[in-house]
Protein backbone atom coordinates (compact mmCIF):
# COMPACT_ATOMS: atom_id res chain seq x y z
CA MET A 1 15.68 -5.06 -9.61
CA SER A 2 11.95 -4.86 -8.96
CA TYR A 3 9.97 -7.62 -7.27
CA TYR A 4 7.18 -7.24 -9.81
CA PRO A 5 7.48 -8.22 -13.49
CA LYS A 6 8.71 -5.70 -16.06
CA PHE A 7 5.28 -5.35 -17.70
CA PHE A 8 4.01 -3.67 -14.52
CA GLU A 9 6.51 -0.87 -15.19
CA THR A 10 5.61 -0.54 -18.86
CA THR A 11 1.82 -0.98 -18.79
CA MET A 12 0.51 0.13 -15.41
CA PRO A 13 0.30 3.78 -14.30
CA LYS A 14 1.89 5.00 -11.08
CA PRO A 15 -0.22 6.21 -8.15
CA ALA A 16 0.73 9.56 -6.62
CA VAL A 17 1.06 8.20 -3.09
CA PRO A 18 2.93 10.70 -0.88
CA MET A 19 5.35 8.16 0.62
CA SER A 20 9.13 8.43 0.42
CA GLY A 21 10.92 5.67 -1.50
CA LEU A 22 7.72 4.10 -2.81
CA ILE A 23 7.87 2.15 -6.07
CA ALA A 24 4.28 1.45 -7.08
CA HIS A 25 1.96 0.57 -9.94
CA THR A 26 -1.83 0.73 -9.92
CA MET A 27 -5.00 -0.51 -11.53
CA SER A 28 -8.40 1.00 -10.90
CA ASP A 29 -11.93 0.32 -11.96
CA ARG A 30 -14.34 -0.06 -9.04
CA VAL A 31 -11.47 -0.16 -6.53
CA GLN A 32 -7.84 0.97 -6.60
CA VAL A 33 -5.26 -1.81 -6.40
CA ILE A 34 -1.69 -0.77 -5.62
CA PHE A 35 1.26 -3.12 -6.07
CA TYR A 36 4.14 -1.64 -4.10
CA GLU A 37 7.65 -2.09 -2.80
CA ILE A 38 9.48 0.22 -0.41
CA PRO A 39 13.20 -0.64 -0.30
CA GLU A 40 14.10 1.84 2.46
CA GLY A 41 10.82 1.62 4.39
CA SER A 42 8.50 4.50 5.26
CA ALA A 43 5.65 5.51 7.51
CA ALA A 44 2.22 7.09 7.13
CA GLY A 45 1.03 9.06 10.14
CA GLU A 46 -2.48 8.75 11.49
CA HIS A 47 -5.13 9.25 8.82
CA VAL A 48 -8.52 7.93 7.71
CA ASN A 49 -9.71 6.63 4.37
CA CYS A 50 -12.11 4.18 2.79
CA ASP A 51 -12.05 0.41 3.44
CA GLU A 52 -8.48 -0.80 2.92
CA TRP A 53 -7.27 -4.39 2.60
CA GLY A 54 -3.63 -5.31 2.22
CA VAL A 55 -1.48 -8.40 1.91
CA VAL A 56 2.24 -8.54 2.65
CA ILE A 57 4.26 -10.48 0.10
CA LYS A 58 7.70 -9.88 1.59
CA GLY A 59 8.88 -8.07 4.73
CA GLU A 60 6.65 -6.51 7.37
CA VAL A 61 4.00 -3.80 7.81
CA SER A 62 2.92 -2.52 11.23
CA VAL A 63 -0.61 -1.13 11.48
CA THR A 64 -1.84 0.86 14.48
CA MET A 65 -5.61 1.17 15.01
CA GLU A 66 -7.48 2.14 18.16
CA GLY A 67 -4.24 2.23 20.19
CA GLU A 68 -3.14 -1.29 19.22
CA THR A 69 -0.21 -2.04 16.91
CA ARG A 70 0.01 -5.32 15.02
CA THR A 71 2.82 -6.35 12.69
CA TYR A 72 2.00 -8.41 9.60
CA GLY A 73 4.55 -10.52 7.75
CA ALA A 74 4.74 -12.35 4.44
CA GLY A 75 1.49 -14.11 3.61
CA GLU A 76 -0.57 -12.19 6.15
CA SER A 77 -3.33 -9.72 5.34
CA PHE A 78 -4.94 -6.85 7.20
CA PHE A 79 -8.19 -4.90 6.94
CA ILE A 80 -8.81 -1.30 7.96
CA PRO A 81 -12.50 -0.31 7.97
CA ASP A 82 -13.78 2.88 6.37
CA GLY A 83 -13.29 5.93 8.59
CA VAL A 84 -11.13 4.25 11.27
CA PRO A 85 -8.07 6.36 12.20
CA HIS A 86 -4.86 4.38 11.64
CA SER A 87 -1.15 4.69 10.95
CA LEU A 88 1.29 2.40 9.15
CA VAL A 89 4.99 1.60 9.25
CA ASN A 90 6.37 -0.12 6.16
CA HIS A 91 9.56 -1.80 7.33
CA PRO A 92 12.57 -1.72 4.95
CA GLY A 93 12.25 -4.13 2.05
CA VAL A 94 8.47 -4.55 2.22
CA VAL A 95 6.58 -5.71 -0.86
CA GLY A 96 2.80 -5.87 -0.88
CA ILE A 97 -0.56 -5.27 -2.46
CA THR A 98 -3.18 -2.88 -1.08
CA VAL A 99 -6.77 -2.54 -2.29
CA PHE A 100 -8.80 0.59 -1.53
CA ASP A 101 -12.60 0.67 -1.88
CA ASP A 102 -12.26 3.90 -3.85
CA PRO A 103 -10.97 3.87 -7.44
CA GLU A 104 -9.66 7.43 -6.96
CA ARG A 105 -7.99 7.04 -3.54
CA PHE A 106 -4.74 8.39 -4.98
CA PRO A 107 -4.32 10.38 -8.19
CA VAL A 108 -2.75 8.38 -11.04
CA ASN A 109 0.28 9.56 -13.03
CA ARG A 110 -0.25 8.28 -16.57
CA ASP A 111 3.12 9.50 -17.94
């Protein structure tokens, strides 16, 4: 059973985020908002992108920037500035929302 309501599944397209086990829905206009859950957990190696803000709803996300790793839990948010190299670990069972300052950060599957 998904954390998010059924209408997310039926009305919102899926982003093509290359992350194993990701269940996600997206909205984009001036930014791209991704509502996600990762039952088994996953990781994204070091990369750079536009400004990124995220909030953890359930579980934990570890973000490494500039050699420092910080783990965020439910109710906590993080910000990764444009162009800053970073990596992420989504611990098993994480549910969250991430906003990218680029409406085309990830391609969208509209099927």
